[in-house]
Amino acid sequence: MSRDRNESVRGAHLMMKGIILSDEFLSSFPFARPFLERIIRELHLSIVSHTSHSFLPHGYSCSYLFTDGHMNIHTYPDEHIIYINIFLIGEYFDENHMIHILCQIAPIQNMTRNVIRQ
């Protein structure tokens, strides 16, 4: 898809913080990865690449690059906290649908969020 230089690129950045009581989900990327990739499929996003890093004694950070944006996840198992940042380019961005999918698939509670539209 090519864009005219004068056409504005529209997108949105969804930043979320949630509580997860599952130690395994927060501590092990190999355990959480199928859940995260199911979320990506449900949101109809196309993965270009991904990377992850596991921390000792536990926790992980991971990034997914999509054809039209990216998602970063950082976990803090000692505090039962997960941070999820999703940036997507495009005019259609339904954060309520995204959060609904996230909370259906991942065991997230007490979600707080902030959306920046660009």
N, C-alpha and C. Protein backbone atom coordinates (compact mmCIF):
# COMPACT_ATOMS: atom_id res chain seq x y z
N MET A 1 0.85 -1.16 0.00
CA MET A 1 0.00 0.00 0.00
C MET A 1 0.90 1.23 0.00
N SER A 2 0.76 2.08 -0.99
CA SER A 2 1.55 3.31 -1.02
C SER A 2 0.67 4.48 -0.60
N ARG A 3 1.30 5.47 -0.03
CA ARG A 3 0.58 6.65 0.44
C ARG A 3 1.18 7.89 -0.18
N ASP A 4 0.34 8.83 -0.46
CA ASP A 4 0.79 10.13 -0.92
C ASP A 4 1.50 10.83 0.24
N ARG A 5 2.58 11.55 -0.05
CA ARG A 5 3.33 12.23 1.02
C ARG A 5 2.48 13.21 1.81
N ASN A 6 1.44 13.77 1.19
CA ASN A 6 0.60 14.74 1.87
C ASN A 6 -0.51 14.09 2.69
N GLU A 7 -0.73 12.78 2.48
CA GLU A 7 -1.78 12.08 3.21
C GLU A 7 -1.28 11.74 4.61
N SER A 8 -2.08 12.05 5.61
CA SER A 8 -1.64 11.76 6.97
C SER A 8 -1.80 10.27 7.27
N VAL A 9 -0.84 9.74 8.00
CA VAL A 9 -0.90 8.36 8.44
C VAL A 9 -1.61 8.36 9.78
N ARG A 10 -2.65 7.58 9.89
CA ARG A 10 -3.42 7.53 11.12
C ARG A 10 -3.14 6.22 11.84
N GLY A 11 -3.13 6.30 13.13
CA GLY A 11 -2.91 5.10 13.92
C GLY A 11 -3.30 5.35 15.36
N ALA A 12 -3.13 4.33 16.16
CA ALA A 12 -3.45 4.45 17.58
C ALA A 12 -2.52 3.57 18.38
N HIS A 13 -2.26 4.02 19.59
CA HIS A 13 -1.39 3.31 20.52
C HIS A 13 -2.22 2.98 21.75
N LEU A 14 -2.38 1.69 22.02
CA LEU A 14 -3.13 1.21 23.17
C LEU A 14 -2.13 0.71 24.21
N MET A 15 -2.14 1.32 25.39
CA MET A 15 -1.24 0.93 26.48
C MET A 15 -2.09 0.37 27.61
N MET A 16 -1.77 -0.85 28.03
CA MET A 16 -2.57 -1.52 29.04
C MET A 16 -1.69 -2.05 30.17
N LYS A 17 -2.27 -2.07 31.35
CA LYS A 17 -1.64 -2.68 32.51
C LYS A 17 -2.69 -3.57 33.15
N GLY A 18 -2.31 -4.79 33.48
CA GLY A 18 -3.27 -5.70 34.07
C GLY A 18 -2.64 -6.58 35.13
N ILE A 19 -3.50 -7.20 35.89
CA ILE A 19 -3.09 -8.15 36.93
C ILE A 19 -3.33 -9.55 36.38
N ILE A 20 -2.34 -10.42 36.52
CA ILE A 20 -2.48 -11.83 36.16
C ILE A 20 -2.03 -12.64 37.36
N LEU A 21 -2.90 -13.52 37.83
CA LEU A 21 -2.58 -14.32 39.00
C LEU A 21 -1.83 -15.60 38.65
N SER A 22 -1.80 -15.96 37.36
CA SER A 22 -1.10 -17.17 36.92
C SER A 22 0.40 -16.92 36.88
N ASP A 23 1.13 -17.54 37.81
CA ASP A 23 2.59 -17.40 37.81
C ASP A 23 3.20 -17.93 36.53
N GLU A 24 2.65 -19.03 36.01
CA GLU A 24 3.21 -19.63 34.80
C GLU A 24 3.06 -18.70 33.60
N PHE A 25 1.90 -18.03 33.48
CA PHE A 25 1.69 -17.10 32.36
C PHE A 25 2.68 -15.94 32.43
N LEU A 26 2.92 -15.43 33.62
CA LEU A 26 3.82 -14.28 33.78
C LEU A 26 5.29 -14.66 33.72
N SER A 27 5.61 -15.88 34.09
CA SER A 27 7.01 -16.28 34.22
C SER A 27 7.59 -16.94 32.99
N SER A 28 6.76 -17.57 32.18
CA SER A 28 7.25 -18.41 31.09
C SER A 28 6.70 -17.97 29.74
N PHE A 29 7.57 -17.39 28.89
CA PHE A 29 7.13 -17.03 27.55
C PHE A 29 6.69 -18.27 26.76
N PRO A 30 7.42 -19.40 26.83
CA PRO A 30 6.94 -20.58 26.10
C PRO A 30 5.52 -21.00 26.51
N PHE A 31 5.17 -20.81 27.78
CA PHE A 31 3.80 -21.11 28.22
C PHE A 31 2.81 -20.09 27.66
N ALA A 32 3.15 -18.80 27.71
CA ALA A 32 2.23 -17.73 27.31
C ALA A 32 2.13 -17.56 25.80
N ARG A 33 3.16 -17.96 25.06
CA ARG A 33 3.20 -17.70 23.61
C ARG A 33 1.97 -18.18 22.85
N PRO A 34 1.45 -19.40 23.07
CA PRO A 34 0.24 -19.80 22.33
C PRO A 34 -0.96 -18.89 22.61
N PHE A 35 -1.09 -18.42 23.84
CA PHE A 35 -2.18 -17.50 24.17
C PHE A 35 -2.00 -16.18 23.43
N LEU A 36 -0.77 -15.65 23.45
CA LEU A 36 -0.49 -14.37 22.79
C LEU A 36 -0.71 -14.46 21.29
N GLU A 37 -0.27 -15.55 20.68
CA GLU A 37 -0.43 -15.69 19.23
C GLU A 37 -1.88 -15.96 18.85
N ARG A 38 -2.66 -16.54 19.75
CA ARG A 38 -4.11 -16.67 19.49
C ARG A 38 -4.77 -15.29 19.50
N ILE A 39 -4.35 -14.44 20.43
CA ILE A 39 -4.86 -13.07 20.46
C ILE A 39 -4.55 -12.37 19.15
N ILE A 40 -3.32 -12.52 18.67
CA ILE A 40 -2.91 -11.90 17.41
C ILE A 40 -3.77 -12.40 16.25
N ARG A 41 -4.02 -13.71 16.20
CA ARG A 41 -4.87 -14.27 15.13
C ARG A 41 -6.29 -13.72 15.22
N GLU A 42 -6.83 -13.68 16.44
CA GLU A 42 -8.20 -13.18 16.63
C GLU A 42 -8.34 -11.72 16.20
N LEU A 43 -7.26 -10.96 16.32
CA LEU A 43 -7.28 -9.55 15.91
C LEU A 43 -6.92 -9.39 14.44
N HIS A 44 -6.70 -10.50 13.74
CA HIS A 44 -6.40 -10.51 12.29
C HIS A 44 -5.15 -9.70 11.96
N LEU A 45 -4.12 -9.87 12.79
CA LEU A 45 -2.85 -9.19 12.56
C LEU A 45 -1.87 -10.17 11.94
N SER A 46 -1.01 -9.67 11.06
CA SER A 46 -0.03 -10.51 10.37
C SER A 46 1.35 -10.27 10.97
N ILE A 47 1.94 -11.33 11.52
CA ILE A 47 3.26 -11.24 12.15
C ILE A 47 4.35 -11.19 11.08
N VAL A 48 5.21 -10.18 11.17
CA VAL A 48 6.39 -10.09 10.31
C VAL A 48 7.57 -10.76 11.02
N SER A 49 7.73 -10.45 12.31
CA SER A 49 8.77 -11.09 13.11
C SER A 49 8.43 -10.94 14.59
N HIS A 50 9.16 -11.68 15.41
CA HIS A 50 8.99 -11.54 16.86
C HIS A 50 10.29 -11.91 17.55
N THR A 51 10.43 -11.41 18.76
CA THR A 51 11.58 -11.74 19.58
C THR A 51 11.13 -11.75 21.04
N SER A 52 11.88 -12.47 21.85
CA SER A 52 11.55 -12.50 23.28
C SER A 52 12.82 -12.69 24.09
N HIS A 53 12.73 -12.30 25.34
CA HIS A 53 13.85 -12.49 26.26
C HIS A 53 13.27 -12.88 27.62
N SER A 54 13.79 -13.96 28.17
CA SER A 54 13.37 -14.40 29.50
C SER A 54 14.37 -13.92 30.54
N PHE A 55 13.86 -13.48 31.67
CA PHE A 55 14.70 -12.97 32.74
C PHE A 55 14.79 -13.99 33.87
N LEU A 56 15.91 -13.97 34.58
CA LEU A 56 16.10 -14.84 35.74
C LEU A 56 15.83 -14.04 37.01
N PRO A 57 15.11 -14.52 37.96
CA PRO A 57 14.62 -15.89 38.02
C PRO A 57 13.35 -16.13 37.21
N HIS A 58 12.63 -15.08 36.80
CA HIS A 58 11.42 -15.29 36.02
C HIS A 58 10.97 -13.97 35.40
N GLY A 59 10.03 -14.08 34.47
CA GLY A 59 9.52 -12.92 33.75
C GLY A 59 10.08 -12.91 32.34
N TYR A 60 9.46 -12.12 31.48
CA TYR A 60 9.91 -12.02 30.10
C TYR A 60 9.42 -10.71 29.48
N SER A 61 10.07 -10.36 28.40
CA SER A 61 9.62 -9.28 27.52
C SER A 61 9.57 -9.87 26.13
N CYS A 62 8.58 -9.47 25.36
CA CYS A 62 8.52 -9.94 23.98
C CYS A 62 7.96 -8.83 23.10
N SER A 63 8.33 -8.90 21.84
CA SER A 63 7.86 -7.93 20.84
C SER A 63 7.43 -8.67 19.59
N TYR A 64 6.32 -8.24 19.04
CA TYR A 64 5.84 -8.74 17.76
C TYR A 64 5.78 -7.56 16.80
N LEU A 65 6.32 -7.74 15.62
CA LEU A 65 6.23 -6.74 14.56
C LEU A 65 5.17 -7.22 13.58
N PHE A 66 4.18 -6.38 13.31
CA PHE A 66 3.11 -6.71 12.37
C PHE A 66 3.30 -5.92 11.08
N THR A 67 2.56 -6.29 10.06
CA THR A 67 2.62 -5.53 8.81
C THR A 67 2.12 -4.11 9.01
N ASP A 68 1.28 -3.91 10.02
CA ASP A 68 0.71 -2.58 10.24
C ASP A 68 0.86 -2.10 11.68
N GLY A 69 1.94 -2.51 12.35
CA GLY A 69 2.17 -2.03 13.71
C GLY A 69 3.04 -2.98 14.51
N HIS A 70 2.88 -2.92 15.84
CA HIS A 70 3.67 -3.79 16.71
C HIS A 70 2.98 -3.97 18.06
N MET A 71 3.44 -4.97 18.81
CA MET A 71 2.96 -5.22 20.15
C MET A 71 4.15 -5.58 21.03
N ASN A 72 4.22 -4.98 22.21
CA ASN A 72 5.27 -5.27 23.19
C ASN A 72 4.61 -5.71 24.48
N ILE A 73 5.21 -6.71 25.12
CA ILE A 73 4.68 -7.23 26.38
C ILE A 73 5.83 -7.34 27.37
N HIS A 74 5.58 -6.89 28.60
CA HIS A 74 6.56 -6.97 29.68
C HIS A 74 5.84 -7.52 30.90
N THR A 75 6.44 -8.52 31.56
CA THR A 75 5.81 -9.11 32.74
C THR A 75 6.66 -8.89 33.98
N TYR A 76 5.97 -8.75 35.10
CA TYR A 76 6.59 -8.58 36.41
C TYR A 76 5.93 -9.57 37.37
N PRO A 77 6.38 -10.83 37.35
CA PRO A 77 5.72 -11.88 38.14
C PRO A 77 5.64 -11.60 39.63
N ASP A 78 6.64 -10.97 40.21
CA ASP A 78 6.61 -10.70 41.66
C ASP A 78 5.44 -9.80 42.04
N GLU A 79 5.01 -8.96 41.11
CA GLU A 79 3.90 -8.04 41.36
C GLU A 79 2.61 -8.50 40.67
N HIS A 80 2.67 -9.61 39.92
CA HIS A 80 1.53 -10.14 39.15
C HIS A 80 1.04 -9.14 38.11
N ILE A 81 1.98 -8.39 37.50
CA ILE A 81 1.62 -7.33 36.55
C ILE A 81 2.11 -7.67 35.15
N ILE A 82 1.28 -7.33 34.17
CA ILE A 82 1.65 -7.42 32.77
C ILE A 82 1.36 -6.07 32.12
N TYR A 83 2.30 -5.62 31.29
CA TYR A 83 2.11 -4.41 30.49
C TYR A 83 2.04 -4.85 29.04
N ILE A 84 1.02 -4.35 28.33
CA ILE A 84 0.85 -4.66 26.91
C ILE A 84 0.70 -3.35 26.17
N ASN A 85 1.54 -3.15 25.16
CA ASN A 85 1.47 -1.96 24.31
C ASN A 85 1.22 -2.42 22.88
N ILE A 86 0.18 -1.89 22.26
CA ILE A 86 -0.12 -2.22 20.87
C ILE A 86 -0.22 -0.92 20.09
N PHE A 87 0.54 -0.84 19.01
CA PHE A 87 0.43 0.31 18.10
C PHE A 87 0.03 -0.23 16.74
N LEU A 88 -1.04 0.33 16.17
CA LEU A 88 -1.50 -0.08 14.85
C LEU A 88 -1.72 1.14 13.97
N ILE A 89 -1.32 1.00 12.73
CA ILE A 89 -1.54 2.04 11.73
C ILE A 89 -2.82 1.71 11.00
N GLY A 90 -3.65 2.69 10.81
CA GLY A 90 -4.90 2.48 10.09
C GLY A 90 -6.00 3.32 10.70
N GLU A 91 -7.04 3.49 9.93
CA GLU A 91 -8.14 4.33 10.40
C GLU A 91 -9.04 3.60 11.39
N TYR A 92 -9.11 2.27 11.30
CA TYR A 92 -10.00 1.52 12.17
C TYR A 92 -9.21 0.95 13.33
N PHE A 93 -9.55 1.36 14.53
CA PHE A 93 -8.86 0.90 15.74
C PHE A 93 -9.90 0.81 16.84
N ASP A 94 -10.32 -0.38 17.16
CA ASP A 94 -11.37 -0.57 18.17
C ASP A 94 -10.74 -1.15 19.44
N GLU A 95 -10.34 -0.27 20.34
CA GLU A 95 -9.66 -0.73 21.55
C GLU A 95 -10.57 -1.59 22.44
N ASN A 96 -11.87 -1.34 22.42
CA ASN A 96 -12.78 -2.16 23.22
C ASN A 96 -12.80 -3.60 22.73
N HIS A 97 -12.79 -3.78 21.41
CA HIS A 97 -12.73 -5.13 20.83
C HIS A 97 -11.40 -5.80 21.19
N MET A 98 -10.30 -5.05 21.10
CA MET A 98 -8.99 -5.61 21.44
C MET A 98 -8.95 -6.07 22.90
N ILE A 99 -9.43 -5.25 23.79
CA ILE A 99 -9.41 -5.60 25.21
C ILE A 99 -10.33 -6.78 25.49
N HIS A 100 -11.47 -6.84 24.81
CA HIS A 100 -12.38 -7.97 24.96
C HIS A 100 -11.67 -9.27 24.56
N ILE A 101 -10.99 -9.27 23.42
CA ILE A 101 -10.25 -10.45 22.95
C ILE A 101 -9.15 -10.81 23.94
N LEU A 102 -8.37 -9.81 24.36
CA LEU A 102 -7.28 -10.06 25.31
C LEU A 102 -7.79 -10.73 26.59
N CYS A 103 -8.85 -10.19 27.14
CA CYS A 103 -9.36 -10.70 28.42
C CYS A 103 -10.08 -12.03 28.28
N GLN A 104 -10.58 -12.35 27.07
CA GLN A 104 -11.19 -13.65 26.82
C GLN A 104 -10.14 -14.75 26.80
N ILE A 105 -8.97 -14.44 26.23
CA ILE A 105 -7.94 -15.45 26.00
C ILE A 105 -6.92 -15.51 27.12
N ALA A 106 -6.46 -14.38 27.58
CA ALA A 106 -5.44 -14.33 28.64
C ALA A 106 -6.13 -14.07 29.99
N PRO A 107 -5.58 -14.60 31.07
CA PRO A 107 -6.23 -14.45 32.38
C PRO A 107 -5.95 -13.09 33.03
N ILE A 108 -6.35 -12.01 32.35
CA ILE A 108 -6.05 -10.66 32.81
C ILE A 108 -7.21 -10.12 33.64
N GLN A 109 -6.87 -9.50 34.76
CA GLN A 109 -7.86 -8.87 35.64
C GLN A 109 -7.46 -7.41 35.87
N ASN A 110 -8.42 -6.61 36.33
CA ASN A 110 -8.16 -5.22 36.71
C ASN A 110 -7.36 -4.46 35.66
N MET A 111 -7.83 -4.49 34.44
CA MET A 111 -7.15 -3.85 33.31
C MET A 111 -7.34 -2.33 33.36
N THR A 112 -6.25 -1.60 33.25
CA THR A 112 -6.32 -0.16 33.04
C THR A 112 -5.73 0.11 31.67
N ARG A 113 -6.18 1.18 31.03
CA ARG A 113 -5.72 1.43 29.66
C ARG A 113 -5.67 2.91 29.36
N ASN A 114 -4.89 3.20 28.34
CA ASN A 114 -4.79 4.55 27.81
C ASN A 114 -4.64 4.42 26.30
N VAL A 115 -5.33 5.25 25.56
CA VAL A 115 -5.25 5.22 24.10
C VAL A 115 -4.80 6.58 23.61
N ILE A 116 -3.81 6.56 22.73
CA ILE A 116 -3.36 7.78 22.06
C ILE A 116 -3.63 7.61 20.58
N ARG A 117 -4.45 8.47 20.04
CA ARG A 117 -4.73 8.43 18.59
C ARG A 117 -3.82 9.43 17.90
N GLN A 118 -3.24 8.99 16.78
CA GLN A 118 -2.29 9.84 16.07
C GLN A 118 -2.72 10.07 14.64
